[in-house]
Protein backbone atom coordinates (compact mmCIF):
# COMPACT_ATOMS: atom_id res chain seq x y z
CA MET A 1 0.56 -3.97 -17.97
CA LEU A 2 4.97 -3.45 -19.07
CA LEU A 3 6.23 -1.41 -16.44
CA VAL A 4 9.90 0.14 -17.13
CA HIS A 5 12.27 1.02 -14.78
CA GLY A 6 14.87 4.12 -14.74
CA LEU A 7 18.63 4.83 -15.81
CA VAL A 8 20.15 4.09 -12.23
CA GLU A 9 17.62 1.17 -10.90
CA ASP A 10 15.81 -1.58 -12.05
CA GLY A 11 12.66 -3.84 -11.86
CA GLY A 12 13.17 -3.73 -8.33
CA VAL A 13 11.63 0.16 -8.20
CA PHE A 14 8.04 -1.34 -9.08
CA CYS A 15 8.62 -4.43 -6.94
CA PRO A 16 10.01 -3.46 -3.56
CA ARG A 17 11.20 -5.81 -0.87
CA ASN A 18 8.19 -4.18 1.22
CA GLY A 19 5.90 -5.95 -1.25
CA ALA A 20 4.00 -2.97 -1.18
CA GLY A 21 5.00 -1.99 -5.22
CA LEU A 22 3.01 -1.07 -8.16
CA ALA A 23 3.76 -4.40 -9.95
CA VAL A 24 2.63 -6.01 -7.00
CA PHE A 25 -1.16 -4.07 -6.47
CA LEU A 26 -2.01 -4.54 -10.25
CA ALA A 27 -1.16 -8.15 -10.47
CA GLU A 28 -3.55 -8.58 -7.28
CA ALA A 29 -6.49 -6.10 -9.39
CA GLY A 30 -5.78 -8.71 -12.08
CA PHE A 31 -3.57 -7.43 -14.55
CA ASP A 32 -0.78 -9.60 -16.17
CA VAL A 33 2.75 -7.39 -15.30
CA PHE A 34 5.59 -7.93 -17.06
CA VAL A 35 8.88 -6.13 -14.76
CA PRO A 36 12.11 -6.33 -16.94
CA ASP A 37 14.89 -5.21 -15.29
CA LEU A 38 16.87 -3.45 -18.78
CA ARG A 39 19.93 -5.05 -20.76
CA GLY A 40 23.06 -4.19 -17.93
CA HIS A 41 20.36 -3.27 -15.04
CA GLY A 42 19.39 -5.46 -12.14
CA ALA A 43 19.67 -9.54 -13.68
CA SER A 44 19.71 -9.00 -17.41
CA PRO A 45 22.79 -9.13 -18.66
CA PRO A 46 25.34 -8.22 -19.63
CA LYS A 47 26.77 -7.85 -16.50
CA LEU A 48 28.00 -4.48 -16.44
CA GLY A 49 31.97 -3.26 -15.77
CA PRO A 50 34.41 -1.39 -16.89
CA GLY A 51 34.53 -1.56 -20.53
CA VAL A 52 31.06 -2.79 -20.91
CA SER A 53 29.02 -0.86 -23.45
CA ILE A 54 25.32 -0.24 -23.55
CA THR A 55 23.59 2.36 -24.98
CA GLN A 56 20.19 3.85 -25.22
CA HIS A 57 19.91 3.04 -28.70
CA ALA A 58 19.83 -0.84 -28.12
CA MET A 59 17.31 -0.44 -25.78
CA VAL A 60 14.77 1.33 -27.84
CA VAL A 61 15.48 -0.66 -31.21
CA GLN A 62 16.12 -4.26 -29.55
CA ASP A 63 15.16 -4.56 -25.80
CA ILE A 64 11.38 -2.46 -25.70
CA PRO A 65 10.04 -3.99 -28.97
CA ALA A 66 11.41 -7.19 -27.58
CA LEU A 67 9.20 -6.93 -24.69
CA PHE A 68 5.74 -5.53 -26.99
CA GLU A 69 6.69 -8.79 -28.42
CA LEU A 70 6.87 -10.89 -25.83
CA ILE A 71 3.70 -9.72 -24.33
CA GLU A 72 1.64 -10.00 -27.65
CA ASN A 73 2.77 -13.76 -27.37
CA HIS A 74 1.38 -14.15 -24.40
CA HIS A 75 -1.79 -11.78 -24.90
CA PRO A 76 -2.63 -11.91 -28.67
CA GLY A 77 -4.27 -8.46 -29.47
CA GLU A 78 -5.26 -7.61 -25.87
CA PRO A 79 -4.40 -3.74 -24.78
CA VAL A 80 -1.98 -3.36 -23.42
CA PHE A 81 -1.40 -0.92 -20.55
CA ALA A 82 2.66 0.62 -20.17
CA ALA A 83 4.23 2.88 -17.32
CA GLY A 84 7.64 4.37 -17.03
CA HIS A 85 9.42 5.59 -14.00
CA ALA A 86 12.35 8.66 -14.67
CA TRP A 87 14.18 8.05 -17.83
CA GLY A 88 12.26 4.41 -18.38
CA SER A 89 9.39 7.00 -19.50
CA VAL A 90 11.63 8.22 -22.67
CA LEU A 91 12.81 5.04 -23.10
CA LEU A 92 9.36 3.60 -23.30
CA ALA A 93 7.69 6.75 -25.57
CA ALA A 94 11.32 6.72 -28.17
CA ALA A 95 10.60 2.79 -28.51
CA LEU A 96 6.96 3.99 -29.30
CA ILE A 97 7.88 6.54 -31.76
CA ARG A 98 10.33 4.57 -33.54
CA GLN A 99 7.94 1.49 -33.95
CA PRO A 100 4.25 3.05 -33.76
CA VAL A 101 2.53 -0.74 -35.00
CA TRP A 102 2.47 -1.15 -31.30
CA LEU A 103 0.87 2.51 -30.24
CA ASP A 104 -2.66 0.87 -31.56
CA ARG A 105 -2.36 -1.78 -28.78
CA ILE A 106 -1.40 1.15 -26.13
CA ALA A 107 -4.70 1.89 -24.22
CA GLY A 108 -2.45 3.86 -21.87
CA LEU A 109 0.52 5.28 -20.63
CA MET A 110 1.84 6.60 -17.29
CA HIS A 111 4.66 7.98 -15.49
CA PHE A 112 6.13 8.44 -13.30
CA ALA A 113 8.27 11.18 -12.23
CA SER A 114 9.28 11.10 -15.80
CA ARG A 115 11.01 14.25 -17.69
CA ARG A 116 13.42 14.62 -20.47
CA VAL A 117 14.94 17.79 -20.58
CA ALA A 118 15.54 19.74 -16.58
CA ARG A 119 14.30 23.42 -16.10
CA ASN A 120 12.75 23.89 -13.88
CA GLY A 121 14.30 22.85 -10.60
CA GLY A 122 16.06 25.54 -9.54
CA TRP A 123 19.72 25.84 -7.63
CA ARG A 124 19.11 22.01 -6.73
CA GLN A 125 18.51 20.69 -9.97
CA ARG A 126 22.03 22.89 -11.20
CA LEU A 127 23.92 21.80 -8.23
CA MET A 128 22.60 17.70 -8.72
CA LEU A 129 22.27 17.37 -12.40
CA ASP A 130 24.42 19.69 -14.34
CA THR A 131 27.42 19.71 -11.60
CA LEU A 132 27.12 15.95 -10.22
CA TRP A 133 25.61 14.10 -12.62
CA GLY A 134 26.73 15.95 -15.46
CA LYS A 135 30.42 16.61 -15.00
CA VAL A 136 31.81 15.04 -11.28
CA MET A 137 30.18 11.62 -12.33
CA PRO A 138 31.66 11.46 -16.30
CA ALA A 139 35.59 12.01 -14.49
CA LEU A 140 34.64 9.70 -11.88
CA GLY A 141 33.13 7.28 -14.96
CA ARG A 142 36.21 7.52 -16.96
CA ARG A 143 38.19 6.77 -14.36
CA GLN A 144 36.57 3.64 -13.22
CA GLY A 145 34.84 2.51 -16.74
CA LEU A 146 31.34 2.90 -15.50
CA ILE A 147 29.22 5.42 -13.82
CA PRO A 148 29.26 4.35 -9.97
CA ALA A 149 25.82 5.42 -9.09
CA ARG A 150 25.13 2.05 -6.79
CA SER A 151 27.98 2.87 -4.93
CA LEU A 152 27.33 6.52 -4.40
CA GLY A 153 23.90 5.40 -2.93
CA ILE A 154 22.14 7.43 -5.88
CA GLY A 155 20.75 4.39 -7.25
CA SER A 156 20.21 0.36 -7.38
CA ASN A 157 22.41 -0.04 -10.41
CA ASP A 158 25.84 1.66 -11.78
CA VAL A 159 25.15 2.76 -15.57
CA SER A 160 27.34 2.14 -18.81
CA LEU A 161 29.04 5.59 -19.55
CA ASP A 162 27.65 5.29 -23.57
CA LEU A 163 24.19 5.18 -22.07
CA HIS A 164 24.85 8.04 -19.47
CA ALA A 165 26.44 9.63 -22.19
CA GLY A 166 22.79 9.23 -24.29
CA GLN A 167 21.12 10.46 -21.29
CA LEU A 168 22.62 13.55 -21.01
CA ALA A 169 22.79 14.16 -24.83
CA TRP A 170 18.81 13.67 -24.74
CA SER A 171 18.35 15.64 -21.38
CA ARG A 172 20.26 18.94 -22.84
CA ALA A 173 19.13 19.43 -25.72
CA ALA A 174 16.38 21.13 -27.32
CA GLU A 175 16.92 18.16 -30.23
CA TRP A 176 15.87 14.40 -29.71
CA ARG A 177 17.61 12.59 -31.50
CA ASP A 178 19.67 9.54 -31.93
CA LEU A 179 23.04 9.30 -31.19
CA ASP A 180 23.45 6.45 -33.41
CA ASP A 181 21.49 6.68 -36.31
CA GLY A 182 20.59 10.17 -36.36
CA PHE A 183 16.25 9.72 -35.88
CA ASP A 184 14.92 11.78 -35.07
CA TYR A 185 12.19 11.16 -32.53
CA ALA A 186 10.60 15.39 -32.35
CA LEU A 187 9.58 14.83 -36.03
CA GLY A 188 8.48 11.55 -35.76
CA LEU A 189 6.49 12.53 -32.79
CA GLU A 190 4.73 14.80 -35.16
CA GLU A 191 3.18 12.32 -37.34
CA LEU A 192 1.63 10.29 -34.46
CA SER A 193 -1.51 10.53 -32.72
CA TRP A 194 -0.15 9.49 -29.15
CA PRO A 195 -1.96 7.60 -26.66
CA PRO A 196 -3.47 9.07 -23.29
CA GLY A 197 -1.86 9.62 -20.69
CA LEU A 198 -1.14 10.23 -16.84
CA TYR A 199 1.96 11.60 -15.44
CA LEU A 200 2.92 11.70 -11.84
CA ALA A 201 4.97 13.88 -9.77
CA GLY A 202 5.84 13.97 -6.03
CA LYS A 203 6.00 17.53 -3.95
CA ASP A 204 8.96 16.84 -2.62
CA ASP A 205 10.62 15.78 -5.98
CA LYS A 206 12.76 19.00 -6.63
CA TYR A 207 15.13 18.22 -9.24
CA LEU A 208 14.81 14.43 -10.53
CA GLY A 209 11.22 14.58 -11.58
CA GLN A 210 10.41 18.30 -10.85
CA PHE A 211 6.31 18.60 -11.85
CA ASP A 212 6.91 21.66 -13.97
CA ASP A 213 9.46 19.56 -15.97
CA VAL A 214 6.68 16.42 -15.67
CA LYS A 215 4.32 18.85 -17.55
CA ALA A 216 6.62 19.97 -19.94
CA PHE A 217 7.47 15.80 -21.08
CA ALA A 218 3.33 15.90 -21.06
CA ARG A 219 3.55 18.42 -23.59
CA GLY A 220 5.97 17.76 -25.45
CA PHE A 221 3.62 14.56 -26.81
CA GLY A 222 1.00 17.54 -28.88
CA PRO A 223 -2.55 17.00 -27.83
CA HIS A 224 -3.59 14.04 -26.14
CA ASP A 225 -5.81 12.92 -23.56
CA MET A 226 -3.42 13.84 -20.55
CA GLN A 227 -4.02 14.34 -16.78
CA MET A 228 -1.35 15.44 -14.72
CA ILE A 229 -1.53 14.66 -10.51
CA LEU A 230 1.18 16.04 -7.93
CA LEU A 231 1.27 14.30 -4.66
CA GLN A 232 1.16 16.33 -1.92
CA LYS A 233 0.17 16.37 1.78
CA GLY A 234 -3.48 18.05 1.99
CA THR A 235 -4.80 16.72 -1.43
CA GLY A 236 -5.95 12.98 -1.10
CA CYS A 237 -1.94 12.02 -0.21
CA SER A 238 -0.79 11.24 2.90
CA ARG A 239 3.22 13.03 2.06
CA ASP A 240 4.80 14.66 0.21
CA TYR A 241 6.60 12.08 -2.37
CA GLY A 242 9.55 12.53 -3.44
CA HIS A 243 11.18 10.85 -6.73
CA ASN A 244 11.14 7.11 -5.98
CA ASP A 245 8.77 6.45 -2.63
CA LEU A 246 6.01 7.67 -4.92
CA LEU A 247 6.34 3.72 -6.32
CA ILE A 248 7.93 2.20 -3.20
CA HIS A 249 7.11 3.68 0.02
CA PRO A 250 3.92 1.50 1.74
CA GLN A 251 1.64 4.35 1.84
CA ALA A 252 1.22 4.92 -1.62
CA THR A 253 -0.77 1.48 -1.93
CA LEU A 254 -3.64 3.88 0.17
CA ASP A 255 -3.01 7.18 -1.74
CA HIS A 256 -2.57 7.08 -5.29
CA PHE A 257 -2.15 3.60 -6.62
CA PRO A 258 -6.30 3.62 -6.50
CA LEU A 259 -6.35 6.47 -8.89
CA VAL A 260 -4.47 5.32 -11.18
CA LEU A 261 -5.99 1.76 -11.07
CA ALA A 262 -9.43 3.98 -11.52
CA TRP A 263 -7.40 5.80 -14.49
CA MET A 264 -6.81 3.02 -16.35
CA GLN A 265 -10.09 1.24 -15.40
CA GLN A 266 -11.56 3.91 -17.23
CA ARG A 267 -9.59 3.42 -20.29
CA LEU A 268 -10.77 0.21 -20.69
CA HIS A 269 -14.20 0.92 -20.48
CA GLY A 270 -13.84 3.73 -23.21
CA ALA A 271 -11.94 1.17 -24.97
CA LYS A 272 -14.77 -1.38 -24.94
CA THR A 273 -17.14 1.09 -24.98
CA ALA A 274 -16.14 2.53 -28.83
CA GLY A 275 -15.14 -1.34 -29.95
CA ASN A 276 -19.31 -2.15 -28.95
CA ALA A 277 -19.94 1.04 -30.96
CA ALA A 278 -18.12 0.58 -33.73
């Protein structure tokens, strides 16, 4: 199981200090769980500072493929699940599109509050993403040499200017192209058979991972086995979940982590059945 964090977080979003995270839950269920800090995040080098350049291209063509190679070294030939939170799912999907050799090993992909383009969050989304994230943050970043997400309380990690610029480009455009080499991800996706996907969004996530944007993200992969879940009170959940607490709230262990586990077990059972039939 590979868990990929988002832009302003690190691996801690999957294993918070309260011990109630998804990584711990899946490890206790018997999975070997890999929780990386992507470059410039958490404990991974380089240490982010003014002028340090970290790009989406490097994460997509180097870091995430290296993680799949690491898993292959530890578990050769075994089925792999992967999950992303927020923008981590976009990076994960991009890496798989560029190196589809790994798709044959993927038993299923899980996406928590994940979307590429944001279109359906109303005025809150326009204020927070278009104005704060898209205009105010770059202005602050140019003065400080990085996007100060941590000091402003909008994430656990600051973000390099190049990474921020790349995220803005991908989230605003209908086209999905690599800023470094022009690779067309949407075109590459058309030639692939996409793995089963589980897409979860919180009812209280008003703009970062709004449910309609999550659905659009899922449909962007074309026809595939997909299931979408809105985490809201009264439908099996004890509360309306938001952007991060759908992973870090202690109640998630009771509310929807068991659904995630059941979905994974169904995919594994289906893969074994298909293998026996072959």
